[in-house]
Structure formats: C-alpha cells, structure tokens
C-alpha cells in the first residue's frame, strides 16, 4: 500500500478497508461517517467482494477490528473501529 497520494487519485485506492481478512478482501463502494463532540463516531461502509475470492464468514467478522483509510489531498486519514453489523 503506497503512502503517495498523487498516484491513483480518483480510483479505488481513495478508500480502503482493512479487516482481519486483510486489505484486499473487500472493495469500498461508498461510506458515510458521523462524528460529534462527546459522542461515539459511526461509519457505515458499503463493500463489494469479487465472487472469485470465495465466501466470507460474516459472523467471524463481528466484533473484530477494522480500519478505514480515506485519501485526502495531503495524507491518509485513518479511522479505527469495530465491526458491529454485517449483512449480505
């Protein structure tokens, strides 16, 4: 994973999700985050997985760590969290 943001802008590398399955298990389709003072943040992330990568044990992802990386003009913004909900 490159830390250079001037390469690949406008492509799938603008948003990445890392889970216990690795950084290449899913493609981020879209995401929405809410952050407020004195409240926990919440990010909803819609993912896609290529059929040739095989099935996923969604129950195994529950309560595991996940990291969303968002490319900004100057750097990567990293958001760490826990998978609280997953569905097909």
Protein backbone atom coordinates (compact mmCIF):
# COMPACT_ATOMS: atom_id res chain seq x y z
CA UNK A 1 0.00 0.00 0.00
CA UNK A 2 1.57 3.25 -1.14
CA UNK A 3 1.52 6.37 1.01
CA UNK A 4 1.90 8.57 -2.08
CA UNK A 5 -1.40 10.30 -2.70
CA UNK A 6 -0.52 11.81 -6.07
CA UNK A 7 -0.80 8.40 -7.71
CA UNK A 8 -4.13 6.70 -8.32
CA UNK A 9 -6.33 9.64 -7.30
CA UNK A 10 -9.93 9.10 -8.34
CA UNK A 11 -9.57 5.32 -8.22
CA UNK A 12 -10.43 2.56 -5.76
CA UNK A 13 -7.34 3.38 -3.69
CA UNK A 14 -9.03 6.58 -2.41
CA UNK A 15 -10.85 4.47 0.19
CA UNK A 16 -9.58 1.22 1.66
CA UNK A 17 -10.88 -1.08 4.37
CA UNK A 18 -8.64 -3.41 6.30
CA UNK A 19 -10.12 -6.25 8.34
CA UNK A 20 -8.89 -9.49 9.84
CA UNK A 21 -9.11 -10.79 6.24
CA UNK A 22 -6.57 -8.23 5.02
CA UNK A 23 -6.60 -5.04 2.94
CA UNK A 24 -7.65 -6.71 -0.31
CA UNK A 25 -10.64 -8.73 0.92
CA UNK A 26 -13.17 -6.02 0.02
CA UNK A 27 -13.58 -3.03 -2.25
CA UNK A 28 -15.15 0.07 -0.69
CA UNK A 29 -18.17 1.13 -2.76
CA UNK A 30 -19.19 4.06 -0.56
CA UNK A 31 -19.14 5.18 3.04
CA UNK A 32 -20.80 7.69 5.33
CA UNK A 33 -19.47 8.80 8.69
CA UNK A 34 -20.92 10.81 11.58
CA UNK A 35 -18.67 12.37 14.18
CA UNK A 36 -19.97 14.55 17.03
CA UNK A 37 -18.46 16.02 20.16
CA UNK A 38 -18.83 13.84 23.24
CA UNK A 39 -20.45 11.01 21.26
CA UNK A 40 -19.09 7.83 19.69
CA UNK A 41 -18.50 8.08 15.96
CA UNK A 42 -20.24 5.81 13.47
CA UNK A 43 -19.20 4.87 9.95
CA UNK A 44 -21.40 2.88 7.59
CA UNK A 45 -19.31 1.30 4.85
CA UNK A 46 -20.78 -0.44 1.79
CA UNK A 47 -18.41 -3.08 0.46
CA UNK A 48 -18.13 -5.34 -2.56
CA UNK A 49 -16.24 -8.61 -2.89
CA UNK A 50 -15.33 -10.39 -6.10
CA UNK A 51 -17.04 -13.77 -6.41
CA UNK A 52 -13.75 -15.48 -7.24
CA UNK A 53 -12.40 -14.56 -3.78
CA UNK A 54 -14.84 -17.02 -2.20
CA UNK A 55 -17.42 -16.73 0.57
CA UNK A 56 -17.00 -14.76 3.79
CA UNK A 57 -17.91 -15.84 7.30
CA UNK A 58 -19.81 -12.71 8.33
CA UNK A 59 -20.23 -13.94 11.89
CA UNK A 60 -16.45 -14.21 12.11
CA UNK A 61 -16.10 -10.52 11.23
CA UNK A 62 -18.42 -9.39 14.01
CA UNK A 63 -16.71 -7.63 16.91
CA UNK A 64 -13.37 -7.71 15.07
CA UNK A 65 -11.23 -4.69 14.28
CA UNK A 66 -11.49 -2.76 11.03
CA UNK A 67 -9.60 0.23 9.65
CA UNK A 68 -10.97 2.64 7.05
CA UNK A 69 -8.31 4.66 5.20
CA UNK A 70 -9.51 7.77 3.39
CA UNK A 71 -7.22 9.59 0.97
CA UNK A 72 -7.21 13.37 1.40
CA UNK A 73 -5.26 15.89 -0.67
CA UNK A 74 -2.32 15.79 1.75
CA UNK A 75 -2.39 12.45 3.58
CA UNK A 76 -4.32 9.33 4.53
CA UNK A 77 -6.94 9.74 7.23
CA UNK A 78 -7.24 6.56 9.26
CA UNK A 79 -10.33 5.56 11.24
CA UNK A 80 -10.09 2.51 13.50
CA UNK A 81 -13.20 0.75 14.72
CA UNK A 82 -15.05 -2.47 15.41
CA UNK A 83 -17.35 -4.33 13.00
CA UNK A 84 -20.74 -4.05 14.69
CA UNK A 85 -23.04 -5.14 11.84
CA UNK A 86 -22.62 -7.13 8.63
CA UNK A 87 -25.05 -8.48 6.07
CA UNK A 88 -25.08 -9.85 2.53
